[in-house]
């Protein structure tokens, strides 16, 4: 990823924000997830952070699509999760991948936040090789179960969602988060 500060990247996202209440909620929540990823050095957290982002957006009345698929860049394919709102990619986790030597700027509304240009990443482009074991497991488990089974917090990813919600002054309860996660599904791309 370019050596831009997170504050600069968030400022770019703000400039790209859809001018509506839903756009503001999407921006605020996305930036809080981006902050959490970088403050906690949460590498390889695409499935976890995307499910948290989708759940928090759903709680606020935004209709996210939680996506699972492959991403292509520079002759490399990798399994990945991201969120789409109105068909536009939101991907904070791409800035902290587990792929050695690959670091990408976060993507907001399909735009690379280091350049404001359309991202060069090709989301939902199949390799023909299929998913790895982890992504295969995710496609066969509910979003609720995936979030509940997260081992790094006593309340699973619902606990992480509650922390991020608090950071944006969103009053959420575990039952509310769980209810919204139950309404989400993994949408495979393509």
N, C-alpha and C. Protein backbone atom coordinates (compact mmCIF):
# COMPACT_ATOMS: atom_id res chain seq x y z
N UNK A 1 0.85 -1.18 0.00
CA UNK A 1 0.00 0.00 0.00
C UNK A 1 0.89 1.23 0.00
N UNK A 2 0.45 2.27 -0.65
CA UNK A 2 1.17 3.53 -0.63
C UNK A 2 1.31 4.01 0.80
N UNK A 3 2.33 4.81 1.04
CA UNK A 3 2.62 5.24 2.41
C UNK A 3 1.76 6.42 2.85
N UNK A 4 0.56 6.48 2.37
CA UNK A 4 -0.36 7.53 2.81
C UNK A 4 -0.89 7.19 4.19
N UNK A 5 -1.13 8.19 4.98
CA UNK A 5 -1.68 7.94 6.31
C UNK A 5 -3.14 7.51 6.19
N UNK A 6 -3.59 6.80 7.21
CA UNK A 6 -4.99 6.39 7.25
C UNK A 6 -5.89 7.63 7.22
N UNK A 7 -5.48 8.70 7.89
CA UNK A 7 -6.28 9.93 7.89
C UNK A 7 -6.45 10.47 6.47
N UNK A 8 -5.39 10.44 5.67
CA UNK A 8 -5.49 10.91 4.29
C UNK A 8 -6.41 10.01 3.46
N UNK A 9 -6.31 8.70 3.68
CA UNK A 9 -7.16 7.76 2.95
C UNK A 9 -8.63 7.97 3.31
N UNK A 10 -8.89 8.20 4.59
CA UNK A 10 -10.27 8.45 5.03
C UNK A 10 -10.79 9.77 4.46
N UNK A 11 -9.92 10.76 4.34
CA UNK A 11 -10.31 12.03 3.74
C UNK A 11 -10.70 11.84 2.27
N UNK A 12 -9.95 10.99 1.59
CA UNK A 12 -10.29 10.67 0.20
C UNK A 12 -11.64 9.97 0.12
N UNK A 13 -11.87 9.03 1.03
CA UNK A 13 -13.17 8.34 1.06
C UNK A 13 -14.30 9.34 1.28
N UNK A 14 -14.06 10.30 2.14
CA UNK A 14 -15.09 11.32 2.41
C UNK A 14 -15.41 12.10 1.14
N UNK A 15 -14.39 12.40 0.35
CA UNK A 15 -14.61 13.13 -0.90
C UNK A 15 -15.41 12.29 -1.91
N UNK A 16 -15.35 10.97 -1.76
CA UNK A 16 -16.07 10.06 -2.66
C UNK A 16 -17.45 9.66 -2.15
N UNK A 17 -17.79 10.13 -0.96
CA UNK A 17 -19.03 9.72 -0.31
C UNK A 17 -20.26 10.10 -1.13
N UNK A 18 -21.21 9.18 -1.19
CA UNK A 18 -22.53 9.49 -1.76
C UNK A 18 -23.21 10.47 -0.83
N UNK A 19 -23.74 11.55 -1.37
CA UNK A 19 -24.35 12.60 -0.56
C UNK A 19 -25.78 12.21 -0.17
N UNK A 20 -25.88 11.39 0.85
CA UNK A 20 -27.18 10.95 1.35
C UNK A 20 -26.98 10.43 2.77
N UNK A 21 -28.05 10.27 3.53
CA UNK A 21 -27.89 9.68 4.87
C UNK A 21 -27.24 8.30 4.82
N UNK A 22 -27.64 7.47 3.85
CA UNK A 22 -27.05 6.14 3.72
C UNK A 22 -25.57 6.25 3.35
N UNK A 23 -25.24 7.23 2.51
CA UNK A 23 -23.84 7.44 2.14
C UNK A 23 -23.00 7.82 3.33
N UNK A 24 -23.54 8.68 4.20
CA UNK A 24 -22.82 9.08 5.41
C UNK A 24 -22.62 7.88 6.34
N UNK A 25 -23.65 7.08 6.52
CA UNK A 25 -23.55 5.89 7.37
C UNK A 25 -22.52 4.91 6.81
N UNK A 26 -22.53 4.75 5.50
CA UNK A 26 -21.58 3.84 4.86
C UNK A 26 -20.16 4.34 5.06
N UNK A 27 -19.92 5.62 4.81
CA UNK A 27 -18.59 6.20 4.99
C UNK A 27 -18.12 6.07 6.43
N UNK A 28 -18.94 6.47 7.37
CA UNK A 28 -18.55 6.46 8.79
C UNK A 28 -18.21 5.05 9.25
N UNK A 29 -19.02 4.09 8.87
CA UNK A 29 -18.81 2.70 9.29
C UNK A 29 -17.57 2.12 8.61
N UNK A 30 -17.42 2.37 7.32
CA UNK A 30 -16.24 1.91 6.58
C UNK A 30 -14.96 2.45 7.22
N UNK A 31 -14.93 3.74 7.51
CA UNK A 31 -13.73 4.35 8.11
C UNK A 31 -13.43 3.77 9.48
N UNK A 32 -14.46 3.46 10.26
CA UNK A 32 -14.24 2.85 11.58
C UNK A 32 -13.67 1.44 11.44
N UNK A 33 -14.14 0.69 10.45
CA UNK A 33 -13.58 -0.64 10.20
C UNK A 33 -12.13 -0.51 9.74
N UNK A 34 -11.85 0.42 8.85
CA UNK A 34 -10.48 0.65 8.39
C UNK A 34 -9.57 1.00 9.56
N UNK A 35 -10.03 1.89 10.44
CA UNK A 35 -9.25 2.23 11.64
C UNK A 35 -8.98 1.00 12.49
N UNK A 36 -10.00 0.19 12.73
CA UNK A 36 -9.85 -0.99 13.57
C UNK A 36 -8.82 -1.96 12.97
N UNK A 37 -8.90 -2.17 11.68
CA UNK A 37 -7.96 -3.07 11.01
C UNK A 37 -6.53 -2.60 11.22
N UNK A 38 -6.29 -1.32 11.05
CA UNK A 38 -4.91 -0.81 11.14
C UNK A 38 -4.45 -0.61 12.58
N UNK A 39 -5.32 -0.20 13.47
CA UNK A 39 -4.93 -0.04 14.87
C UNK A 39 -4.62 -1.37 15.53
N UNK A 40 -5.27 -2.42 15.08
CA UNK A 40 -5.10 -3.74 15.68
C UNK A 40 -4.24 -4.68 14.84
N UNK A 41 -3.65 -4.14 13.77
CA UNK A 41 -2.82 -4.92 12.85
C UNK A 41 -3.54 -6.24 12.51
N UNK A 42 -4.77 -6.10 12.07
CA UNK A 42 -5.64 -7.23 11.77
C UNK A 42 -5.41 -7.67 10.33
N UNK A 43 -4.37 -8.49 10.13
CA UNK A 43 -4.00 -8.92 8.78
C UNK A 43 -4.82 -10.13 8.35
N UNK A 44 -5.12 -10.18 7.07
CA UNK A 44 -5.86 -11.30 6.54
C UNK A 44 -7.27 -11.39 7.08
N UNK A 45 -7.86 -10.26 7.38
CA UNK A 45 -9.17 -10.23 8.05
C UNK A 45 -10.31 -9.93 7.09
N UNK A 46 -10.16 -10.32 5.84
CA UNK A 46 -11.19 -9.93 4.87
C UNK A 46 -12.56 -10.52 5.20
N UNK A 47 -12.62 -11.80 5.55
CA UNK A 47 -13.92 -12.41 5.84
C UNK A 47 -14.52 -11.82 7.11
N UNK A 48 -13.68 -11.69 8.14
CA UNK A 48 -14.16 -11.14 9.41
C UNK A 48 -14.57 -9.69 9.31
N UNK A 49 -13.70 -8.86 8.74
CA UNK A 49 -14.03 -7.43 8.68
C UNK A 49 -15.19 -7.15 7.73
N UNK A 50 -15.30 -7.93 6.67
CA UNK A 50 -16.42 -7.73 5.75
C UNK A 50 -17.74 -8.12 6.39
N UNK A 51 -17.74 -9.21 7.16
CA UNK A 51 -18.99 -9.60 7.83
C UNK A 51 -19.37 -8.58 8.90
N UNK A 52 -18.39 -8.02 9.58
CA UNK A 52 -18.66 -6.97 10.57
C UNK A 52 -19.21 -5.72 9.87
N UNK A 53 -18.57 -5.29 8.80
CA UNK A 53 -19.02 -4.11 8.06
C UNK A 53 -20.45 -4.31 7.55
N UNK A 54 -20.71 -5.46 6.96
CA UNK A 54 -22.05 -5.72 6.43
C UNK A 54 -23.10 -5.71 7.54
N UNK A 55 -22.77 -6.31 8.67
CA UNK A 55 -23.71 -6.35 9.79
C UNK A 55 -23.99 -4.95 10.32
N UNK A 56 -22.95 -4.15 10.51
CA UNK A 56 -23.14 -2.79 11.02
C UNK A 56 -23.92 -1.92 10.03
N UNK A 57 -23.68 -2.10 8.75
CA UNK A 57 -24.46 -1.35 7.76
C UNK A 57 -25.93 -1.78 7.80
N UNK A 58 -26.16 -3.07 7.91
CA UNK A 58 -27.52 -3.59 7.97
C UNK A 58 -28.27 -3.03 9.17
N UNK A 59 -27.60 -2.97 10.32
CA UNK A 59 -28.21 -2.41 11.53
C UNK A 59 -28.70 -0.98 11.29
N UNK A 60 -27.97 -0.24 10.44
CA UNK A 60 -28.29 1.17 10.19
C UNK A 60 -29.25 1.37 9.02
N UNK A 61 -29.75 0.27 8.46
CA UNK A 61 -30.71 0.38 7.38
C UNK A 61 -30.11 0.46 5.99
N UNK A 62 -28.79 0.35 5.89
CA UNK A 62 -28.14 0.30 4.58
C UNK A 62 -28.21 -1.16 4.12
N UNK A 63 -28.41 -1.39 2.85
CA UNK A 63 -28.54 -2.76 2.35
C UNK A 63 -27.25 -3.22 1.68
N UNK A 64 -26.38 -3.89 2.46
CA UNK A 64 -25.11 -4.35 1.91
C UNK A 64 -25.25 -5.73 1.25
N UNK A 65 -24.33 -6.02 0.35
CA UNK A 65 -24.17 -7.36 -0.19
C UNK A 65 -22.81 -7.84 0.29
N UNK A 66 -22.79 -8.93 1.04
CA UNK A 66 -21.56 -9.52 1.56
C UNK A 66 -21.06 -10.52 0.53
N UNK A 67 -19.92 -10.24 -0.06
CA UNK A 67 -19.43 -11.02 -1.20
C UNK A 67 -18.26 -11.93 -0.84
N UNK A 68 -18.24 -13.07 -1.50
CA UNK A 68 -17.14 -14.03 -1.41
C UNK A 68 -16.76 -14.39 -2.83
N UNK A 69 -15.48 -14.33 -3.13
CA UNK A 69 -15.04 -14.67 -4.48
C UNK A 69 -13.54 -14.60 -4.58
N UNK A 70 -13.09 -14.57 -5.81
CA UNK A 70 -11.66 -14.43 -6.05
C UNK A 70 -11.39 -13.03 -6.60
N UNK A 71 -10.19 -12.57 -6.33
CA UNK A 71 -9.75 -11.27 -6.82
C UNK A 71 -8.48 -11.51 -7.63
N UNK A 72 -8.34 -10.77 -8.72
CA UNK A 72 -7.19 -10.91 -9.60
C UNK A 72 -6.42 -9.59 -9.66
N UNK A 73 -5.08 -9.72 -9.58
CA UNK A 73 -4.21 -8.55 -9.76
C UNK A 73 -2.82 -9.05 -10.11
N UNK A 74 -2.23 -8.49 -11.15
CA UNK A 74 -0.84 -8.79 -11.53
C UNK A 74 -0.57 -10.29 -11.61
N UNK A 75 -1.39 -11.01 -12.34
CA UNK A 75 -1.23 -12.45 -12.54
C UNK A 75 -1.39 -13.28 -11.29
N UNK A 76 -2.00 -12.73 -10.26
CA UNK A 76 -2.23 -13.46 -9.01
C UNK A 76 -3.72 -13.44 -8.70
N UNK A 77 -4.24 -14.61 -8.36
CA UNK A 77 -5.62 -14.75 -7.88
C UNK A 77 -5.58 -15.06 -6.40
N UNK A 78 -6.54 -14.55 -5.65
CA UNK A 78 -6.65 -14.94 -4.24
C UNK A 78 -8.10 -14.89 -3.82
N UNK A 79 -8.43 -15.76 -2.86
CA UNK A 79 -9.77 -15.79 -2.30
C UNK A 79 -9.95 -14.57 -1.41
N UNK A 80 -11.17 -14.04 -1.40
CA UNK A 80 -11.35 -12.78 -0.69
C UNK A 80 -12.83 -12.56 -0.38
N UNK A 81 -13.09 -11.71 0.59
CA UNK A 81 -14.45 -11.23 0.89
C UNK A 81 -14.43 -9.72 0.87
N UNK A 82 -15.56 -9.14 0.49
CA UNK A 82 -15.72 -7.70 0.47
C UNK A 82 -17.21 -7.39 0.57
N UNK A 83 -17.54 -6.13 0.68
CA UNK A 83 -18.94 -5.70 0.76
C UNK A 83 -19.23 -4.83 -0.46
N UNK A 84 -20.44 -4.94 -0.97
CA UNK A 84 -20.90 -4.04 -2.02
C UNK A 84 -22.15 -3.31 -1.53
N UNK A 85 -22.22 -2.04 -1.85
CA UNK A 85 -23.42 -1.24 -1.63
C UNK A 85 -23.74 -0.58 -2.96
N UNK A 86 -24.93 -0.81 -3.47
CA UNK A 86 -25.34 -0.33 -4.80
C UNK A 86 -24.35 -0.80 -5.87
N UNK A 87 -23.81 -2.01 -5.71
CA UNK A 87 -22.90 -2.58 -6.69
C UNK A 87 -21.48 -2.04 -6.63
N UNK A 88 -21.19 -1.18 -5.66
CA UNK A 88 -19.84 -0.59 -5.55
C UNK A 88 -19.08 -1.28 -4.41
N UNK A 89 -17.83 -1.63 -4.69
CA UNK A 89 -17.00 -2.38 -3.74
C UNK A 89 -16.53 -1.49 -2.59
N UNK A 90 -16.69 -2.03 -1.37
CA UNK A 90 -16.12 -1.46 -0.15
C UNK A 90 -15.16 -2.52 0.38
N UNK A 91 -13.87 -2.20 0.46
CA UNK A 91 -12.89 -3.20 0.88
C UNK A 91 -11.78 -2.54 1.68
N UNK A 92 -11.94 -2.55 2.99
CA UNK A 92 -10.91 -2.01 3.88
C UNK A 92 -9.80 -3.03 4.12
N UNK A 93 -10.16 -4.31 4.19
CA UNK A 93 -9.20 -5.37 4.54
C UNK A 93 -8.12 -5.57 3.49
N UNK A 94 -8.36 -5.15 2.27
CA UNK A 94 -7.37 -5.36 1.20
C UNK A 94 -6.06 -4.64 1.52
N UNK A 95 -6.11 -3.69 2.42
CA UNK A 95 -4.91 -2.94 2.80
C UNK A 95 -4.05 -3.69 3.81
N UNK A 96 -4.50 -4.86 4.27
CA UNK A 96 -3.74 -5.66 5.23
C UNK A 96 -3.86 -7.14 4.88
N UNK A 97 -3.38 -7.52 3.69
CA UNK A 97 -3.50 -8.91 3.25
C UNK A 97 -2.44 -9.79 3.89
N UNK A 98 -2.64 -11.09 3.74
CA UNK A 98 -1.64 -12.08 4.19
C UNK A 98 -0.69 -12.46 3.05
N UNK A 99 -0.91 -11.91 1.88
CA UNK A 99 -0.12 -12.28 0.71
C UNK A 99 1.21 -11.53 0.75
N UNK A 100 2.29 -12.27 0.90
CA UNK A 100 3.62 -11.67 1.01
C UNK A 100 3.92 -10.82 -0.23
N UNK A 101 4.31 -9.59 0.00
CA UNK A 101 4.69 -8.71 -1.09
C UNK A 101 3.53 -7.97 -1.73
N UNK A 102 2.31 -8.27 -1.30
CA UNK A 102 1.15 -7.58 -1.87
C UNK A 102 0.49 -6.73 -0.81
N UNK A 103 0.46 -5.45 -1.06
CA UNK A 103 -0.27 -4.52 -0.21
C UNK A 103 -1.01 -3.58 -1.15
N UNK A 104 -2.28 -3.42 -0.90
CA UNK A 104 -3.11 -2.61 -1.78
C UNK A 104 -3.76 -1.49 -0.99
N UNK A 105 -4.02 -0.38 -1.63
CA UNK A 105 -4.79 0.68 -0.95
C UNK A 105 -6.22 0.19 -0.71
N UNK A 106 -6.85 0.66 0.35
CA UNK A 106 -8.24 0.30 0.56
C UNK A 106 -9.11 0.81 -0.59
N UNK A 107 -10.25 0.15 -0.76
CA UNK A 107 -11.17 0.48 -1.86
C UNK A 107 -12.49 0.96 -1.25
N UNK A 108 -12.95 2.11 -1.72
CA UNK A 108 -14.23 2.66 -1.27
C UNK A 108 -15.03 3.07 -2.50
N UNK A 109 -16.24 2.53 -2.61
CA UNK A 109 -17.11 2.78 -3.77
C UNK A 109 -16.40 2.44 -5.08
N UNK A 110 -15.60 1.36 -5.04
CA UNK A 110 -14.91 0.89 -6.24
C UNK A 110 -13.67 1.68 -6.60
N UNK A 111 -13.30 2.63 -5.73
CA UNK A 111 -12.15 3.50 -6.02
C UNK A 111 -10.97 3.19 -5.11
N UNK A 112 -9.80 3.21 -5.69
CA UNK A 112 -8.53 3.08 -4.96
C UNK A 112 -8.34 4.37 -4.18
N UNK A 113 -8.26 4.27 -2.86
CA UNK A 113 -8.19 5.49 -2.05
C UNK A 113 -6.85 6.21 -2.12
N UNK A 114 -5.84 5.60 -2.73
CA UNK A 114 -4.58 6.33 -2.88
C UNK A 114 -4.57 7.19 -4.13
N UNK A 115 -5.47 6.89 -5.09
CA UNK A 115 -5.47 7.62 -6.36
C UNK A 115 -6.82 8.23 -6.72
N UNK A 116 -7.89 7.78 -6.10
CA UNK A 116 -9.28 8.13 -6.43
C UNK A 116 -9.74 7.51 -7.76
N UNK A 117 -8.87 6.77 -8.41
CA UNK A 117 -9.22 6.11 -9.67
C UNK A 117 -9.91 4.78 -9.38
N UNK A 118 -10.57 4.26 -10.40
CA UNK A 118 -11.16 2.92 -10.26
C UNK A 118 -10.04 1.96 -9.86
N UNK A 119 -10.35 1.06 -8.94
CA UNK A 119 -9.33 0.11 -8.48
C UNK A 119 -8.86 -0.78 -9.63
N UNK A 120 -7.59 -1.14 -9.60
CA UNK A 120 -7.03 -2.07 -10.59
C UNK A 120 -7.32 -3.52 -10.22
N UNK A 121 -7.83 -3.73 -9.01
CA UNK A 121 -8.18 -5.08 -8.58
C UNK A 121 -9.43 -5.53 -9.33
N UNK A 122 -9.43 -6.78 -9.77
CA UNK A 122 -10.59 -7.33 -10.47
C UNK A 122 -11.33 -8.26 -9.52
N UNK A 123 -12.41 -7.74 -8.94
CA UNK A 123 -13.21 -8.49 -7.97
C UNK A 123 -14.13 -9.46 -8.69
N UNK A 124 -14.20 -10.68 -8.16
CA UNK A 124 -15.11 -11.67 -8.71
C UNK A 124 -14.63 -12.29 -10.01
N UNK A 125 -13.33 -12.26 -10.26
CA UNK A 125 -12.78 -12.88 -11.46
C UNK A 125 -12.30 -14.28 -11.09
N UNK A 126 -12.95 -15.32 -11.62
CA UNK A 126 -12.58 -16.68 -11.22
C UNK A 126 -11.27 -17.15 -11.85
N UNK A 127 -10.51 -17.88 -11.04
CA UNK A 127 -9.23 -18.42 -11.50
C UNK A 127 -9.41 -19.73 -12.25
N UNK A 128 -10.52 -20.40 -11.99
CA UNK A 128 -10.71 -21.74 -12.54
C UNK A 128 -10.19 -22.81 -11.60
N UNK A 129 -9.51 -22.40 -10.54
CA UNK A 129 -8.95 -23.34 -9.57
C UNK A 129 -9.87 -23.57 -8.37
N UNK A 130 -10.84 -22.72 -8.20
CA UNK A 130 -11.74 -22.84 -7.06
C UNK A 130 -11.14 -22.24 -5.80
N UNK A 131 -11.91 -22.37 -4.72
CA UNK A 131 -11.51 -21.78 -3.44
C UNK A 131 -10.55 -22.68 -2.67
N UNK A 132 -9.80 -22.05 -1.75
CA UNK A 132 -9.00 -22.83 -0.81
C UNK A 132 -9.92 -23.39 0.27
N UNK A 133 -9.35 -24.15 1.20
CA UNK A 133 -10.15 -24.83 2.23
C UNK A 133 -10.93 -23.82 3.07
N UNK A 134 -10.30 -22.73 3.47
CA UNK A 134 -10.96 -21.75 4.33
C UNK A 134 -12.15 -21.09 3.62
N UNK A 135 -11.95 -20.64 2.40
CA UNK A 135 -13.04 -19.99 1.66
C UNK A 135 -14.15 -20.99 1.35
N UNK A 136 -13.79 -22.24 1.09
CA UNK A 136 -14.80 -23.28 0.86
C UNK A 136 -15.66 -23.48 2.09
N UNK A 137 -15.02 -23.46 3.26
CA UNK A 137 -15.76 -23.60 4.51
C UNK A 137 -16.72 -22.42 4.68
N UNK A 138 -16.23 -21.21 4.41
CA UNK A 138 -17.05 -20.01 4.58
C UNK A 138 -18.28 -20.05 3.69
N UNK A 139 -18.13 -20.52 2.48
CA UNK A 139 -19.28 -20.54 1.56
C UNK A 139 -20.36 -21.50 2.02
N UNK A 140 -20.00 -22.41 2.93
CA UNK A 140 -20.96 -23.41 3.41
C UNK A 140 -21.44 -23.17 4.83
N UNK A 141 -21.08 -22.04 5.41
CA UNK A 141 -21.52 -21.73 6.78
C UNK A 141 -22.32 -20.43 6.73
N UNK A 142 -23.25 -20.28 7.64
CA UNK A 142 -24.02 -19.03 7.66
C UNK A 142 -23.13 -17.88 8.15
N UNK A 143 -23.51 -16.68 7.82
CA UNK A 143 -22.77 -15.50 8.30
C UNK A 143 -22.85 -15.46 9.83
N UNK A 144 -24.02 -15.76 10.38
CA UNK A 144 -24.17 -15.78 11.83
C UNK A 144 -23.18 -16.76 12.46
N UNK A 145 -23.13 -17.98 11.96
CA UNK A 145 -22.23 -18.99 12.54
C UNK A 145 -20.77 -18.58 12.38
N UNK A 146 -20.42 -18.04 11.21
CA UNK A 146 -19.04 -17.59 11.01
C UNK A 146 -18.67 -16.54 12.06
N UNK A 147 -19.55 -15.59 12.27
CA UNK A 147 -19.27 -14.52 13.23
C UNK A 147 -19.23 -15.05 14.66
N UNK A 148 -20.11 -15.97 14.98
CA UNK A 148 -20.17 -16.53 16.34
C UNK A 148 -18.94 -17.37 16.65
N UNK A 149 -18.37 -18.02 15.65
CA UNK A 149 -17.25 -18.93 15.86
C UNK A 149 -15.88 -18.24 15.88
N UNK A 150 -15.85 -16.95 15.64
CA UNK A 150 -14.58 -16.21 15.65
C UNK A 150 -13.91 -16.35 17.01
N UNK A 151 -12.69 -16.90 17.06
CA UNK A 151 -12.08 -17.25 18.35
C UNK A 151 -11.36 -16.13 19.09
N UNK A 152 -11.17 -14.98 18.48
CA UNK A 152 -10.31 -13.97 19.09
C UNK A 152 -11.05 -12.95 19.97
N UNK A 153 -12.33 -13.17 20.19
CA UNK A 153 -13.11 -12.32 21.09
C UNK A 153 -14.16 -13.21 21.75
N UNK A 154 -14.42 -13.01 23.05
CA UNK A 154 -15.41 -13.87 23.73
C UNK A 154 -16.80 -13.86 23.07
N UNK A 155 -17.17 -12.76 22.44
CA UNK A 155 -18.46 -12.67 21.75
C UNK A 155 -18.32 -12.85 20.24
N UNK A 156 -17.22 -13.44 19.81
CA UNK A 156 -16.99 -13.64 18.38
C UNK A 156 -16.88 -12.30 17.67
N UNK A 157 -17.18 -12.31 16.39
CA UNK A 157 -17.12 -11.07 15.62
C UNK A 157 -18.21 -10.09 16.03
N UNK A 158 -19.23 -10.57 16.75
CA UNK A 158 -20.24 -9.65 17.26
C UNK A 158 -19.61 -8.70 18.28
N UNK A 159 -18.64 -9.18 19.04
CA UNK A 159 -17.92 -8.33 19.98
C UNK A 159 -17.11 -7.27 19.27
N UNK A 160 -16.47 -7.65 18.15
CA UNK A 160 -15.71 -6.68 17.35
C UNK A 160 -16.68 -5.65 16.76
N UNK A 161 -17.82 -6.12 16.26
CA UNK A 161 -18.82 -5.19 15.70
C UNK A 161 -19.31 -4.21 16.76
N UNK A 162 -19.47 -4.69 17.98
CA UNK A 162 -19.93 -3.81 19.06
C UNK A 162 -18.87 -2.74 19.36
N UNK A 163 -17.59 -3.13 19.37
CA UNK A 163 -16.49 -2.18 19.59
C UNK A 163 -16.49 -1.11 18.50
N UNK A 164 -16.59 -1.55 17.25
CA UNK A 164 -16.57 -0.61 16.13
C UNK A 164 -17.83 0.27 16.15
N UNK A 165 -18.96 -0.32 16.47
CA UNK A 165 -20.19 0.45 16.59
C UNK A 165 -20.07 1.55 17.63
N UNK A 166 -19.47 1.22 18.75
CA UNK A 166 -19.28 2.22 19.81
C UNK A 166 -18.40 3.37 19.32
N UNK A 167 -17.39 3.05 18.50
CA UNK A 167 -16.49 4.08 17.98
C UNK A 167 -17.21 5.10 17.10
N UNK A 168 -18.34 4.71 16.52
CA UNK A 168 -19.10 5.64 15.68
C UNK A 168 -20.42 6.05 16.35
N UNK A 169 -20.45 5.87 17.67
CA UNK A 169 -21.63 6.26 18.47
C UNK A 169 -22.91 5.55 18.03
N UNK A 170 -22.75 4.31 17.61
CA UNK A 170 -23.89 3.49 17.23
C UNK A 170 -24.20 2.57 18.41
N UNK A 171 -25.36 2.73 18.97
CA UNK A 171 -25.74 1.90 20.12
C UNK A 171 -26.31 0.59 19.60
N UNK A 172 -25.51 -0.44 19.74
CA UNK A 172 -25.94 -1.76 19.28
C UNK A 172 -25.82 -2.76 20.41
N UNK A 173 -26.70 -3.72 20.40
CA UNK A 173 -26.65 -4.80 21.38
C UNK A 173 -26.23 -6.07 20.65
N UNK A 174 -25.73 -7.02 21.41
CA UNK A 174 -25.38 -8.30 20.79
C UNK A 174 -26.59 -8.95 20.11
N UNK A 175 -27.77 -8.98 20.77
CA UNK A 175 -28.92 -9.57 20.08
C UNK A 175 -29.28 -8.87 18.77
N UNK A 176 -29.16 -7.55 18.73
CA UNK A 176 -29.46 -6.81 17.50
C UNK A 176 -28.46 -7.16 16.40
N UNK A 177 -27.18 -7.20 16.76
CA UNK A 177 -26.15 -7.57 15.78
C UNK A 177 -26.39 -8.99 15.27
N UNK A 178 -26.72 -9.89 16.19
CA UNK A 178 -26.96 -11.28 15.81
C UNK A 178 -28.17 -11.41 14.88
N UNK A 179 -29.21 -10.65 15.18
CA UNK A 179 -30.41 -10.67 14.34
C UNK A 179 -30.08 -10.22 12.92
N UNK A 180 -29.31 -9.15 12.81
CA UNK A 180 -28.96 -8.65 11.48
C UNK A 180 -28.01 -9.59 10.75
N UNK A 181 -27.10 -10.22 11.47
CA UNK A 181 -26.21 -11.20 10.83
C UNK A 181 -26.99 -12.39 10.30
N UNK A 182 -28.04 -12.76 11.01
CA UNK A 182 -28.87 -13.89 10.54
C UNK A 182 -29.55 -13.57 9.21
N UNK A 183 -29.75 -12.30 8.93
CA UNK A 183 -30.42 -11.92 7.67
C UNK A 183 -29.44 -11.82 6.50
N UNK A 184 -28.14 -11.91 6.78
CA UNK A 184 -27.12 -11.80 5.73
C UNK A 184 -26.74 -13.18 5.19
N UNK A 185 -26.35 -13.21 3.93
CA UNK A 185 -25.81 -14.42 3.32
C UNK A 185 -24.55 -14.06 2.56
N UNK A 186 -23.70 -15.04 2.34
CA UNK A 186 -22.53 -14.85 1.49
C UNK A 186 -23.03 -14.90 0.04
N UNK A 187 -22.72 -13.90 -0.74
CA UNK A 187 -23.07 -13.87 -2.15
C UNK A 187 -21.80 -14.13 -2.94
N UNK A 188 -21.79 -15.23 -3.68
CA UNK A 188 -20.58 -15.55 -4.44
C UNK A 188 -20.51 -14.71 -5.70
N UNK A 189 -19.32 -14.20 -5.95
CA UNK A 189 -19.04 -13.44 -7.16
C UNK A 189 -18.01 -14.21 -7.96
N UNK A 190 -18.14 -14.43 -9.23
CA UNK A 190 -19.12 -13.79 -10.09
C UNK A 190 -20.48 -14.38 -9.87
